Amino acid sequence: MLPVPTVAQLAGFTGRPESGYTSFADQALAQAALLFTIVTQRPTLPDDPDTVTLVRNAILEMADRIYLEQPYAAARVSPYQSETIGSYSYAKSSTVVRARDRPG
């Protein structure tokens, strides 16, 4: 498997402070490195330094996306909330669904 970047590298890539990341950042980085290794079938870094930079940036971008989407995982699985007022119950879509379905 390709080397897993550090949280410090992720912070440098995104421009967000390293202290703002939770422990899930390490998991997101490992997942991204594994995904890249599986998809590209490349277990080692290439010899060309420009390609190494490209590979690292791709892994960091994937890790950032995984990290940022993690808090919304529950809403993606169950996009509707039920609400009861008195004896009347109904389901309404969550904010995540409304934002996703909004045009533009």
Protein backbone atom coordinates (compact mmCIF):
# COMPACT_ATOMS: atom_id res chain seq x y z
CA MET A 1 0.00 0.00 0.00
CA LEU A 2 1.11 3.55 -0.62
CA PRO A 3 2.38 5.54 2.39
CA VAL A 4 -0.36 7.18 4.45
CA PRO A 5 0.07 10.98 4.74
CA THR A 6 0.04 12.63 8.15
CA VAL A 7 -2.54 14.99 9.60
CA ALA A 8 0.10 17.74 9.38
CA GLN A 9 0.35 17.14 5.62
CA LEU A 10 -3.45 17.22 5.34
CA ALA A 11 -3.55 20.51 7.26
CA GLY A 12 -0.88 21.97 4.98
CA PHE A 13 -2.79 20.81 1.89
CA THR A 14 -6.16 22.21 3.01
CA GLY A 15 -4.93 25.34 4.77
CA ARG A 16 -6.91 24.48 7.90
CA PRO A 17 -5.15 24.28 11.29
CA GLU A 18 -3.94 20.84 12.36
CA SER A 19 -5.53 21.31 15.78
CA GLY A 20 -8.97 21.53 14.17
CA TYR A 21 -8.93 17.90 13.01
CA THR A 22 -10.46 15.10 15.06
CA SER A 23 -9.04 11.59 15.41
CA PHE A 24 -11.11 10.60 12.36
CA ALA A 25 -8.58 12.43 10.18
CA ASP A 26 -6.12 9.54 10.59
CA GLN A 27 -8.80 7.10 9.46
CA ALA A 28 -9.72 9.27 6.48
CA LEU A 29 -6.07 9.42 5.43
CA ALA A 30 -5.68 5.65 5.69
CA GLN A 31 -8.91 5.08 3.74
CA ALA A 32 -7.81 7.48 1.00
CA ALA A 33 -4.40 5.82 0.65
CA LEU A 34 -6.02 2.39 0.49
CA LEU A 35 -8.62 3.54 -2.05
CA PHE A 36 -5.95 5.06 -4.26
CA THR A 37 -3.84 1.89 -4.04
CA ILE A 38 -6.81 -0.32 -4.97
CA VAL A 39 -8.08 1.84 -7.82
CA THR A 40 -4.70 2.48 -9.43
CA GLN A 41 -3.23 -0.94 -8.55
CA ARG A 42 -0.04 0.91 -7.64
CA PRO A 43 1.40 -0.32 -4.31
CA THR A 44 4.49 1.92 -4.39
CA LEU A 45 5.26 5.52 -5.22
CA PRO A 46 6.52 6.23 -8.74
CA ASP A 47 10.10 7.31 -9.46
CA ASP A 48 9.19 10.65 -11.04
CA PRO A 49 9.03 13.42 -8.36
CA ASP A 50 6.24 15.27 -10.18
CA THR A 51 4.12 12.13 -10.26
CA VAL A 52 4.83 11.55 -6.54
CA THR A 53 3.46 15.03 -5.82
CA LEU A 54 0.41 14.31 -7.95
CA VAL A 55 -0.23 11.01 -6.12
CA ARG A 56 0.15 12.64 -2.68
CA ASN A 57 -2.20 15.48 -3.65
CA ALA A 58 -4.78 13.00 -4.94
CA ILE A 59 -4.65 11.04 -1.67
CA LEU A 60 -4.89 14.23 0.40
CA GLU A 61 -7.85 15.47 -1.67
CA MET A 62 -9.67 12.15 -1.18
CA ALA A 63 -8.90 12.17 2.54
CA ASP A 64 -10.22 15.72 2.88
CA ARG A 65 -13.45 14.77 1.10
CA ILE A 66 -13.89 11.67 3.30
CA TYR A 67 -13.19 13.73 6.42
CA LEU A 68 -15.60 16.55 5.52
CA GLU A 69 -18.46 14.21 4.57
CA GLN A 70 -18.21 12.01 7.68
CA PRO A 71 -20.50 14.16 9.91
CA TYR A 72 -23.29 13.86 7.33
CA ALA A 73 -23.15 10.07 6.99
CA ALA A 74 -26.23 9.50 9.19
CA ALA A 75 -28.29 12.00 7.21
CA ARG A 76 -27.30 10.33 3.95
CA VAL A 77 -28.48 6.93 5.19
CA SER A 78 -31.72 8.26 6.63
CA PRO A 79 -32.51 11.50 4.80
CA TYR A 80 -35.93 11.99 6.39
CA GLN A 81 -36.83 13.01 9.90
CA SER A 82 -40.14 12.11 11.46
CA GLU A 83 -41.95 14.64 13.57
CA THR A 84 -45.08 14.33 15.69
CA ILE A 85 -47.40 17.14 16.67
CA GLY A 86 -50.14 15.88 18.94
CA SER A 87 -51.56 12.80 17.24
CA TYR A 88 -50.34 13.84 13.76
CA SER A 89 -47.04 12.34 12.50
CA TYR A 90 -45.23 13.17 9.29
CA ALA A 91 -41.81 12.87 7.69
CA LYS A 92 -39.83 15.81 6.44
CA SER A 93 -36.58 15.90 4.54
CA SER A 94 -33.46 16.92 6.39
CA THR A 95 -31.45 20.03 5.55
CA VAL A 96 -28.84 17.85 3.82
CA VAL A 97 -31.44 16.51 1.37
CA ARG A 98 -32.84 19.96 0.65
CA ALA A 99 -29.35 21.36 0.03
CA ARG A 100 -28.43 18.43 -2.20
CA ASP A 101 -31.61 18.72 -4.27
CA ARG A 102 -31.37 22.49 -4.70
CA PRO A 103 -30.50 23.49 -8.28
CA GLY A 104 -27.31 25.37 -9.01
